[in-house]
Amino acid sequence: MKNIFKTLIISTALILSPSVMAETIAITGGKVVIGDGSAPIEGGTVVIRNDRIVNAGKDIAIPADARRIDANGKWVTPGIFAGFSRVGLVEIGAVRQTNDSRSFGSNFSAALDVSESIDPFRSPIAVNRAEGITRAVVAPSSGGKLFAGQGAIADLGDDINPITKSQAFQFVEMGERGVNIAGGSRSASHLLFKASLQEAQRYAAGNDAFDDNILTIQDAKALLPVINGKTRLLVHVEGANDILRVLDLKKDFPKLRMVLVGVSEGWRVADKIVAANVPVIASALNDLPSGFESLAATQSNIGRMKDAGVQVAIGMIDDRDAHQLRYSMQYAGNLVSLNKVPRANGLTWDEAFAAITSMPAKIMGMDAQLGSLKANRKADVVIWDGDPLELSSAAEQVFIDGKKQELSNRQAKLRERYRNPSEGSLPKAYER
């Protein structure tokens, strides 16, 4: 009996052993895009083992045990990394029960952890996965307080574990929205920002004068890694003057690892952004003012900032950011086309694709793991039937963590169900 039990243990261990479970895949013959800003490689190869990239490029040795996927005539790229989103938090924005992006009426702000609300069963997860989106920066929205809470890095895999990294950053509203929250002036929003971080410092020092009317103890704890520079601070700001005032805050808190989000007028103060060594996750197609803080919005914004030396990725704040991450490829492609418009500033194809893959990963400190097809990165790979920045192209196969993903979704099934309706004994909705 003991021998039988021992045999079962050994057999189970062999079945579960990574070396036994690991699969090697070689995607061959495609137009390979590493995603780091380098040019596409004709007739390239990508080798995946288990959940990691082994190698990618030209004349790559293919392991004898590799399962081959022929990608001749296809494009092979890293998965798209959405630079800013609320995916997984919202099903129907106007239905409060399905919208976890913000916490109205909560006593807490900075302490809120969005990873606890990301729902892998929300339909936008599957819809965007089918379009080649594999990872996303997921941020909370402000529920009426300056600090909205802690954001996460998530994957869009077909499983129940969407969190790649929880508490990955803190999100704060400045600019016009911050003004409204703080009481109606920029002076008030900047004072509230400073006071919040100062109260967190006092709490950390055990100061009896800690004012819990500004922050709860939980919020103060959540801001400590921000003050110490261990956690990034994503700051939503649009106007040029507001950008300058936000950059000034680093003088009081020099360890802050800021990332600016939105930044419609960033081109006007690009040199100051570079000097402050602050990266940007920018909206790509803002060319009309949506408010007084974006009067100088232009589609050339990202191109001009890139030319000035700003580290910039594409994000989608307040732009159907809970549902349409798949617009990222269109936005990147439009920035390429912008180069053909006289006196406009766009991006090269290589720069534009990096802006939706490796640059978001780099800005969020995840580039050693995500965002490209370099060796040892997570095997997020997409095989496309054409140029991924062209609207007519589609993702044919998507791998996340080396696992081939299901690309069907509820919307696609409904489309097929009602594509050619025919009369029956019961309405279509009642048929199995």
Protein backbone atom coordinates (compact mmCIF):
# COMPACT_ATOMS: atom_id res chain seq x y z
CA MET A 1 0.00 0.00 0.00
CA LYS A 2 2.84 2.38 0.87
CA ASN A 3 4.50 1.62 -2.49
CA ILE A 4 1.27 2.37 -4.34
CA PHE A 5 0.90 5.65 -2.44
CA LYS A 6 4.53 6.57 -3.23
CA THR A 7 3.99 5.77 -6.90
CA LEU A 8 0.92 8.02 -6.97
CA ILE A 9 2.89 10.90 -5.42
CA ILE A 10 5.72 10.52 -7.93
CA SER A 11 3.30 10.25 -10.85
CA THR A 12 1.40 13.35 -9.72
CA ALA A 13 4.64 15.27 -9.32
CA LEU A 14 5.67 14.32 -12.84
CA ILE A 15 2.30 15.37 -14.24
CA LEU A 16 2.48 18.75 -12.51
CA SER A 17 6.18 19.32 -13.14
CA PRO A 18 6.80 22.47 -15.24
CA SER A 19 9.36 20.60 -17.32
CA VAL A 20 6.72 18.01 -18.23
CA MET A 21 3.93 20.54 -18.79
CA ALA A 22 6.03 23.05 -20.73
CA GLU A 23 5.28 23.40 -24.43
CA THR A 24 7.68 24.86 -26.94
CA ILE A 25 6.13 26.76 -29.84
CA ALA A 26 7.92 28.18 -32.87
CA ILE A 27 6.03 30.76 -34.93
CA THR A 28 7.85 30.84 -38.25
CA GLY A 29 7.95 32.83 -41.48
CA GLY A 30 6.05 35.89 -40.32
CA LYS A 31 6.87 39.57 -40.32
CA VAL A 32 8.13 39.84 -36.77
CA VAL A 33 7.87 43.06 -34.77
CA ILE A 34 9.91 43.02 -31.56
CA GLY A 35 8.02 46.05 -30.25
CA ASP A 36 11.02 48.00 -28.95
CA GLY A 37 10.98 50.57 -31.73
CA SER A 38 13.09 48.52 -34.12
CA ALA A 39 11.98 47.78 -37.69
CA PRO A 40 9.90 44.70 -38.56
CA ILE A 41 11.85 41.59 -39.50
CA GLU A 42 10.79 39.76 -42.67
CA GLY A 43 10.67 35.98 -42.42
CA GLY A 44 11.31 36.01 -38.70
CA THR A 45 10.77 33.42 -36.00
CA VAL A 46 9.42 33.64 -32.46
CA VAL A 47 10.14 30.80 -30.04
CA ILE A 48 7.97 30.41 -26.93
CA ARG A 49 8.53 27.97 -24.12
CA ASN A 50 5.85 27.69 -21.48
CA ASP A 51 4.96 31.30 -20.56
CA ARG A 52 8.13 33.02 -21.80
CA ILE A 53 9.73 34.26 -25.00
CA VAL A 54 12.89 32.26 -25.69
CA ASN A 55 14.03 34.27 -28.70
CA ALA A 56 12.69 36.28 -31.62
CA GLY A 57 14.26 37.54 -34.82
CA LYS A 58 15.94 36.34 -37.99
CA ASP A 59 17.70 32.96 -38.33
CA ILE A 60 16.59 31.81 -34.88
CA ALA A 61 17.38 28.21 -33.99
CA ILE A 62 14.19 26.18 -33.64
CA PRO A 63 14.19 23.51 -30.90
CA ALA A 64 13.57 20.00 -32.16
CA ASP A 65 10.57 19.54 -29.87
CA ALA A 66 8.85 22.76 -30.92
CA ARG A 67 5.32 22.77 -32.26
CA ARG A 68 5.45 24.93 -35.37
CA ILE A 69 2.94 27.57 -36.40
CA ASP A 70 3.30 28.79 -39.97
CA ALA A 71 2.95 32.57 -40.09
CA ASN A 72 3.93 33.15 -43.71
CA GLY A 73 2.13 36.25 -44.96
CA LYS A 74 1.22 37.23 -41.37
CA TRP A 75 2.51 39.77 -38.86
CA VAL A 76 3.76 38.54 -35.48
CA THR A 77 3.97 41.09 -32.67
CA PRO A 78 3.87 41.46 -28.91
CA GLY A 79 0.39 41.88 -27.50
CA ILE A 80 -0.95 45.41 -27.26
CA PHE A 81 -0.39 47.03 -23.86
CA ALA A 82 -3.14 49.58 -23.17
CA GLY A 83 -1.40 52.53 -21.54
CA PHE A 84 -4.43 53.74 -19.59
CA SER A 85 -7.84 52.15 -19.10
CA ARG A 86 -10.70 51.21 -16.80
CA VAL A 87 -11.22 47.83 -18.43
CA GLY A 88 -12.77 45.18 -16.21
CA LEU A 89 -14.39 47.82 -14.00
CA VAL A 90 -17.42 48.72 -16.10
CA GLU A 91 -20.04 46.76 -18.01
CA ILE A 92 -22.62 49.50 -18.59
CA GLY A 93 -21.39 52.90 -17.53
CA ALA A 94 -24.85 54.30 -16.74
CA VAL A 95 -25.85 51.31 -14.61
CA ARG A 96 -24.37 51.92 -11.18
CA GLN A 97 -24.43 48.22 -10.21
CA THR A 98 -22.08 47.39 -13.09
CA ASN A 99 -19.73 50.36 -12.68
CA ASP A 100 -16.92 49.92 -10.15
CA SER A 101 -14.63 52.58 -11.59
CA ARG A 102 -15.29 55.10 -8.80
CA SER A 103 -16.46 55.11 -5.18
CA PHE A 104 -18.99 57.84 -4.52
CA GLY A 105 -19.61 58.47 -0.84
CA SER A 106 -16.67 56.43 0.42
CA ASN A 107 -14.65 57.70 3.37
CA PHE A 108 -11.52 56.37 1.68
CA SER A 109 -9.54 57.66 -1.28
CA ALA A 110 -5.86 56.76 -1.73
CA ALA A 111 -6.35 53.44 0.07
CA LEU A 112 -8.88 52.11 -2.44
CA ASP A 113 -7.41 49.20 -4.41
CA VAL A 114 -8.84 48.83 -7.90
CA SER A 115 -7.52 45.26 -8.27
CA GLU A 116 -10.30 44.08 -5.98
CA SER A 117 -12.89 45.35 -8.49
CA ILE A 118 -11.42 44.13 -11.79
CA ASP A 119 -13.86 41.52 -13.08
CA PRO A 120 -12.52 39.07 -15.72
CA PHE A 121 -16.11 38.22 -16.68
CA ARG A 122 -16.91 41.73 -17.91
CA SER A 123 -17.64 41.52 -21.63
CA PRO A 124 -15.09 44.22 -22.67
CA ILE A 125 -12.30 41.88 -21.52
CA ALA A 126 -13.15 39.26 -24.14
CA VAL A 127 -13.96 41.82 -26.85
CA ASN A 128 -10.61 43.57 -26.52
CA ARG A 129 -8.67 40.32 -26.15
CA ALA A 130 -10.05 39.24 -29.53
CA GLU A 131 -8.57 42.46 -30.98
CA GLY A 132 -5.04 41.74 -29.72
CA ILE A 133 -5.08 43.63 -26.40
CA THR A 134 -3.21 41.49 -23.86
CA ARG A 135 -2.30 43.82 -20.95
CA ALA A 136 -3.64 47.09 -19.57
CA VAL A 137 -2.97 49.78 -17.04
CA VAL A 138 -6.23 49.88 -15.05
CA ALA A 139 -6.94 53.02 -13.01
CA PRO A 140 -9.80 54.09 -10.76
CA SER A 141 -11.84 57.22 -11.40
CA SER A 142 -12.20 59.86 -8.74
CA GLY A 143 -15.33 59.54 -6.64
CA GLY A 144 -15.08 63.08 -5.38
CA LYS A 145 -11.63 63.15 -3.80
CA LEU A 146 -8.32 64.24 -5.25
CA PHE A 147 -6.62 60.86 -4.80
CA ALA A 148 -8.70 58.21 -6.56
CA GLY A 149 -6.85 55.12 -5.32
CA GLN A 150 -4.38 52.44 -6.29
CA GLY A 151 -4.34 51.14 -9.85
CA ALA A 152 -3.20 47.80 -11.25
CA ILE A 153 -1.59 46.13 -14.25
CA ALA A 154 -3.96 43.47 -15.60
CA ASP A 155 -3.96 40.85 -18.31
CA LEU A 156 -6.95 40.12 -20.51
CA GLY A 157 -6.50 36.36 -20.45
CA ASP A 158 -9.37 33.89 -20.60
CA ASP A 159 -9.09 32.92 -16.93
CA ILE A 160 -10.18 34.09 -13.49
CA ASN A 161 -6.88 35.69 -12.44
CA PRO A 162 -6.54 39.05 -14.26
CA ILE A 163 -4.07 40.78 -11.93
CA THR A 164 -0.47 41.01 -13.11
CA LYS A 165 0.48 43.56 -10.43
CA SER A 166 -1.77 45.06 -7.80
CA GLN A 167 -1.15 48.43 -6.13
CA ALA A 168 1.06 49.30 -9.10
CA PHE A 169 0.47 53.06 -8.86
CA GLN A 170 -1.58 55.80 -7.22
CA PHE A 171 -3.91 57.95 -9.33
CA VAL A 172 -4.65 61.61 -8.65
CA GLU A 173 -6.80 64.21 -10.40
CA MET A 174 -5.31 67.67 -10.99
CA GLY A 175 -6.16 70.31 -13.58
CA GLU A 176 -9.80 71.36 -13.97
CA ARG A 177 -11.23 68.21 -12.42
CA GLY A 178 -8.93 68.53 -9.42
CA VAL A 179 -9.97 72.17 -9.10
CA ASN A 180 -13.64 71.17 -8.87
CA ILE A 181 -12.89 68.51 -6.27
CA ALA A 182 -10.75 70.78 -4.11
CA GLY A 183 -13.17 73.68 -3.93
CA GLY A 184 -12.96 75.77 -7.07
CA SER A 185 -9.40 77.03 -7.59
CA ARG A 186 -6.00 75.72 -8.55
CA SER A 187 -4.62 77.13 -5.33
CA ALA A 188 -7.02 74.88 -3.44
CA SER A 189 -6.15 71.76 -5.44
CA HIS A 190 -2.41 72.23 -5.00
CA LEU A 191 -2.78 72.96 -1.30
CA LEU A 192 -4.93 69.85 -0.84
CA PHE A 193 -2.35 67.77 -2.74
CA LYS A 194 0.49 69.05 -0.55
CA ALA A 195 -1.51 68.77 2.66
CA SER A 196 -2.43 65.15 1.89
CA LEU A 197 1.19 64.11 1.37
CA GLN A 198 2.32 66.10 4.41
CA GLU A 199 -0.29 64.40 6.58
CA ALA A 200 0.94 61.03 5.34
CA GLN A 201 4.46 62.05 6.37
CA ARG A 202 3.23 63.11 9.82
CA TYR A 203 1.43 59.81 10.24
CA ALA A 204 4.57 57.91 9.29
CA ALA A 205 6.53 59.89 11.87
CA GLY A 206 3.98 59.05 14.56
CA ASN A 207 3.03 62.71 14.92
CA ASP A 208 0.07 63.25 17.23
CA ALA A 209 -0.97 66.22 15.10
CA PHE A 210 -1.97 63.91 12.22
CA ASP A 211 -5.20 65.35 10.79
CA ASP A 212 -7.59 62.56 9.87
CA ASN A 213 -10.01 65.14 8.47
CA ILE A 214 -7.77 65.25 5.39
CA LEU A 215 -6.85 61.56 5.19
CA THR A 216 -7.94 58.41 6.92
CA ILE A 217 -5.19 56.30 8.45
CA GLN A 218 -5.65 53.79 5.62
CA ASP A 219 -5.21 56.55 3.02
CA ALA A 220 -2.09 57.85 4.77
CA LYS A 221 -0.58 54.36 4.71
CA ALA A 222 -1.33 54.05 0.99
CA LEU A 223 0.46 57.33 0.24
CA LEU A 224 3.67 56.43 2.06
CA PRO A 225 5.18 54.42 -0.83
CA VAL A 226 4.27 57.32 -3.15
CA ILE A 227 6.16 59.82 -1.00
CA ASN A 228 9.13 57.43 -0.74
CA GLY A 229 9.26 56.92 -4.50
CA LYS A 230 8.47 53.21 -4.34
CA THR A 231 5.11 53.55 -6.08
CA ARG A 232 4.40 55.60 -9.19
CA LEU A 233 2.00 58.52 -9.07
CA LEU A 234 -0.14 58.90 -12.19
CA VAL A 235 -1.37 62.49 -12.42
CA HIS A 236 -4.22 63.43 -14.75
CA VAL A 237 -3.47 66.88 -16.10
CA GLU A 238 -4.21 68.50 -19.47
CA GLY A 239 -3.32 72.21 -19.67
CA ALA A 240 0.21 73.55 -20.14
CA ASN A 241 0.16 75.78 -17.06
CA ASP A 242 -1.31 72.98 -14.95
CA ILE A 243 1.48 70.69 -16.17
CA LEU A 244 4.09 73.21 -15.02
CA ARG A 245 2.47 73.56 -11.59
CA VAL A 246 2.34 69.78 -11.18
CA LEU A 247 6.01 69.50 -12.09
CA ASP A 248 6.73 72.15 -9.44
CA LEU A 249 5.32 69.80 -6.80
CA LYS A 250 8.43 67.67 -7.21
CA LYS A 251 10.38 70.43 -5.50
CA ASP A 252 8.48 69.76 -2.27
CA PHE A 253 8.47 65.98 -2.75
CA PRO A 254 11.60 65.17 -4.79
CA LYS A 255 11.18 61.39 -4.56
CA LEU A 256 7.83 61.40 -6.37
CA ARG A 257 7.89 59.16 -9.44
CA MET A 258 5.33 61.03 -11.49
CA VAL A 259 3.72 59.95 -14.73
CA LEU A 260 1.54 62.54 -16.48
CA VAL A 261 -1.70 61.27 -18.04
CA GLY A 262 -3.79 62.96 -20.75
CA VAL A 263 -1.47 65.95 -21.32
CA SER A 264 -3.37 67.57 -24.23
CA GLU A 265 -1.13 70.65 -24.16
CA GLY A 266 2.09 68.85 -23.36
CA TRP A 267 3.74 70.02 -26.58
CA ARG A 268 3.75 73.60 -25.27
CA VAL A 269 5.97 72.70 -22.29
CA ALA A 270 7.72 69.59 -23.62
CA ASP A 271 11.16 70.92 -22.68
CA LYS A 272 10.07 71.29 -19.06
CA ILE A 273 8.68 67.75 -19.01
CA VAL A 274 11.99 66.45 -20.34
CA ALA A 275 13.98 68.46 -17.79
CA ALA A 276 11.86 67.01 -14.97
CA ASN A 277 12.45 63.48 -16.33
CA VAL A 278 8.73 62.72 -16.15
CA PRO A 279 7.18 60.29 -18.67
CA VAL A 280 3.78 60.79 -20.29
CA ILE A 281 0.82 58.58 -21.16
CA ALA A 282 -0.96 60.83 -23.64
CA SER A 283 -4.28 60.85 -25.45
CA ALA A 284 -3.49 60.42 -29.13
CA LEU A 285 -6.16 62.22 -31.11
CA ASN A 286 -7.18 65.26 -29.08
CA ASP A 287 -7.39 68.00 -31.70
CA LEU A 288 -10.34 70.04 -30.46
CA PRO A 289 -10.68 71.68 -27.04
CA SER A 290 -13.02 69.79 -24.71
CA GLY A 291 -12.50 72.51 -22.10
CA PHE A 292 -10.43 75.57 -21.34
CA GLU A 293 -7.52 73.40 -20.22
CA SER A 294 -7.17 71.93 -23.73
CA LEU A 295 -7.52 74.99 -25.95
CA ALA A 296 -4.17 74.19 -27.59
CA ALA A 297 -4.98 70.52 -28.25
CA THR A 298 -3.50 69.15 -31.48
CA GLN A 299 -2.99 65.75 -33.04
CA SER A 300 0.68 66.71 -33.34
CA ASN A 301 0.98 66.70 -29.54
CA ILE A 302 2.55 63.25 -29.17
CA GLY A 303 4.85 63.73 -32.18
CA ARG A 304 6.10 67.07 -30.89
CA MET A 305 6.70 65.70 -27.39
CA LYS A 306 8.54 62.70 -28.83
CA ASP A 307 10.71 64.98 -30.97
CA ALA A 308 11.55 67.01 -27.85
CA GLY A 309 12.72 63.88 -26.03
CA VAL A 310 9.69 63.09 -23.86
CA GLN A 311 9.12 59.41 -23.05
CA VAL A 312 5.56 59.04 -24.32
CA ALA A 313 3.06 56.21 -24.65
CA ILE A 314 -0.53 56.18 -25.89
CA GLY A 315 -3.38 56.03 -23.36
CA MET A 316 -7.14 56.52 -23.51
CA ILE A 317 -8.24 58.45 -20.43
CA ASP A 318 -11.94 59.45 -20.63
CA ASP A 319 -12.09 58.08 -24.18
CA ARG A 320 -14.27 54.98 -23.83
CA ASP A 321 -11.41 53.72 -21.68
CA ALA A 322 -13.51 50.94 -20.12
CA HIS A 323 -14.65 49.43 -23.40
CA GLN A 324 -12.68 50.33 -26.52
CA LEU A 325 -9.00 49.66 -25.82
CA ARG A 326 -8.94 48.21 -29.34
CA TYR A 327 -8.88 51.80 -30.65
CA SER A 328 -5.22 51.90 -29.57
CA MET A 329 -4.03 50.45 -32.90
CA GLN A 330 -6.13 52.92 -34.88
CA TYR A 331 -4.73 55.83 -32.85
CA ALA A 332 -1.17 54.64 -33.37
CA GLY A 333 -1.82 54.23 -37.11
CA ASN A 334 -3.26 57.73 -37.34
CA LEU A 335 -0.09 59.14 -35.80
CA VAL A 336 1.87 57.40 -38.58
CA SER A 337 -0.43 58.86 -41.25
CA LEU A 338 -0.04 62.30 -39.67
CA ASN A 339 3.45 62.48 -41.11
CA LYS A 340 1.84 62.97 -44.53
CA VAL A 341 0.00 66.10 -43.40
CA PRO A 342 1.98 69.30 -44.08
CA ARG A 343 3.47 70.88 -40.94
CA ALA A 344 2.09 68.10 -38.72
CA ASN A 345 4.18 65.94 -36.39
CA GLY A 346 3.50 62.24 -36.15
CA LEU A 347 5.43 59.09 -35.33
CA THR A 348 7.21 56.57 -37.51
CA TRP A 349 5.55 53.16 -37.74
CA ASP A 350 8.16 51.67 -35.39
CA GLU A 351 7.71 54.47 -32.84
CA ALA A 352 3.92 54.26 -33.01
CA PHE A 353 3.85 50.52 -32.41
CA ALA A 354 6.28 50.87 -29.50
CA ALA A 355 3.91 53.52 -28.05
CA ILE A 356 1.26 50.82 -27.56
CA THR A 357 3.58 47.99 -26.49
CA SER A 358 7.02 48.52 -24.96
CA MET A 359 6.64 52.19 -23.98
CA PRO A 360 3.64 51.69 -21.65
CA ALA A 361 5.50 48.75 -20.11
CA LYS A 362 8.64 50.84 -19.65
CA ILE A 363 6.81 53.81 -18.16
CA MET A 364 5.08 51.52 -15.67
CA GLY A 365 8.35 49.76 -14.76
CA MET A 366 7.28 46.47 -16.33
CA ASP A 367 9.50 46.38 -19.42
CA ALA A 368 11.70 43.59 -18.03
CA GLN A 369 8.62 41.36 -18.16
CA LEU A 370 6.20 42.80 -20.69
CA GLY A 371 5.76 44.84 -23.84
CA SER A 372 8.14 43.22 -26.34
CA LEU A 373 9.29 39.94 -27.85
CA LYS A 374 12.70 40.12 -26.21
CA ALA A 375 14.00 36.99 -24.47
CA ASN A 376 12.54 36.13 -21.06
CA ARG A 377 9.54 38.44 -21.44
CA LYS A 378 6.07 37.08 -20.84
CA ALA A 379 4.85 35.36 -23.97
CA ASP A 380 2.11 37.80 -24.98
CA VAL A 381 2.08 37.29 -28.75
CA VAL A 382 -0.40 38.15 -31.51
CA ILE A 383 -0.51 36.79 -35.05
CA TRP A 384 -2.26 39.26 -37.37
CA ASP A 385 -3.53 38.79 -40.92
CA GLY A 386 -1.96 42.14 -41.90
CA ASP A 387 -0.40 45.33 -40.62
CA PRO A 388 -1.81 45.69 -37.05
CA LEU A 389 -2.03 49.48 -37.41
CA GLU A 390 -4.37 49.16 -40.39
CA LEU A 391 -8.12 49.09 -39.67
CA SER A 392 -8.66 46.20 -42.09
CA SER A 393 -6.32 43.88 -40.15
CA ALA A 394 -7.47 41.38 -37.54
CA ALA A 395 -5.87 39.25 -34.85
CA GLU A 396 -5.96 35.60 -35.88
CA GLN A 397 -4.25 34.08 -32.83
CA VAL A 398 -3.57 35.61 -29.42
CA PHE A 399 -1.27 34.18 -26.76
CA ILE A 400 -1.15 35.49 -23.18
CA ASP A 401 1.48 34.02 -20.87
CA GLY A 402 2.15 31.52 -23.65
CA LYS A 403 -1.42 30.20 -23.61
CA LYS A 404 -3.49 30.41 -26.77
CA GLN A 405 -6.61 32.43 -26.05
CA GLU A 406 -10.23 31.96 -26.95
CA LEU A 407 -11.22 34.78 -29.30
CA SER A 408 -14.98 34.33 -29.31
CA ASN A 409 -17.11 36.67 -27.23
CA ARG A 410 -20.73 37.44 -26.54
CA GLN A 411 -20.94 40.27 -29.05
CA ALA A 412 -19.53 38.11 -31.85
CA LYS A 413 -21.93 35.29 -31.00
CA LEU A 414 -24.90 37.67 -31.03
CA ARG A 415 -23.79 39.01 -34.40
CA GLU A 416 -23.72 35.51 -35.87
CA ARG A 417 -27.00 34.55 -34.19
CA TYR A 418 -28.89 37.42 -35.76
CA ARG A 419 -26.89 37.89 -38.97
CA ASN A 420 -29.51 36.05 -41.08
CA PRO A 421 -32.73 35.95 -39.04
CA SER A 422 -35.40 33.53 -40.20
CA GLU A 423 -38.99 32.99 -39.12
CA GLY A 424 -39.55 30.16 -36.65
CA SER A 425 -42.07 28.86 -34.16
CA LEU A 426 -40.47 30.98 -31.44
CA PRO A 427 -38.50 34.23 -31.50
CA LYS A 428 -34.78 33.65 -31.94
CA ALA A 429 -34.01 34.64 -28.34
CA TYR A 430 -35.97 31.61 -27.07
CA GLU A 431 -34.15 29.04 -29.22
CA ARG A 432 -31.16 27.12 -27.91
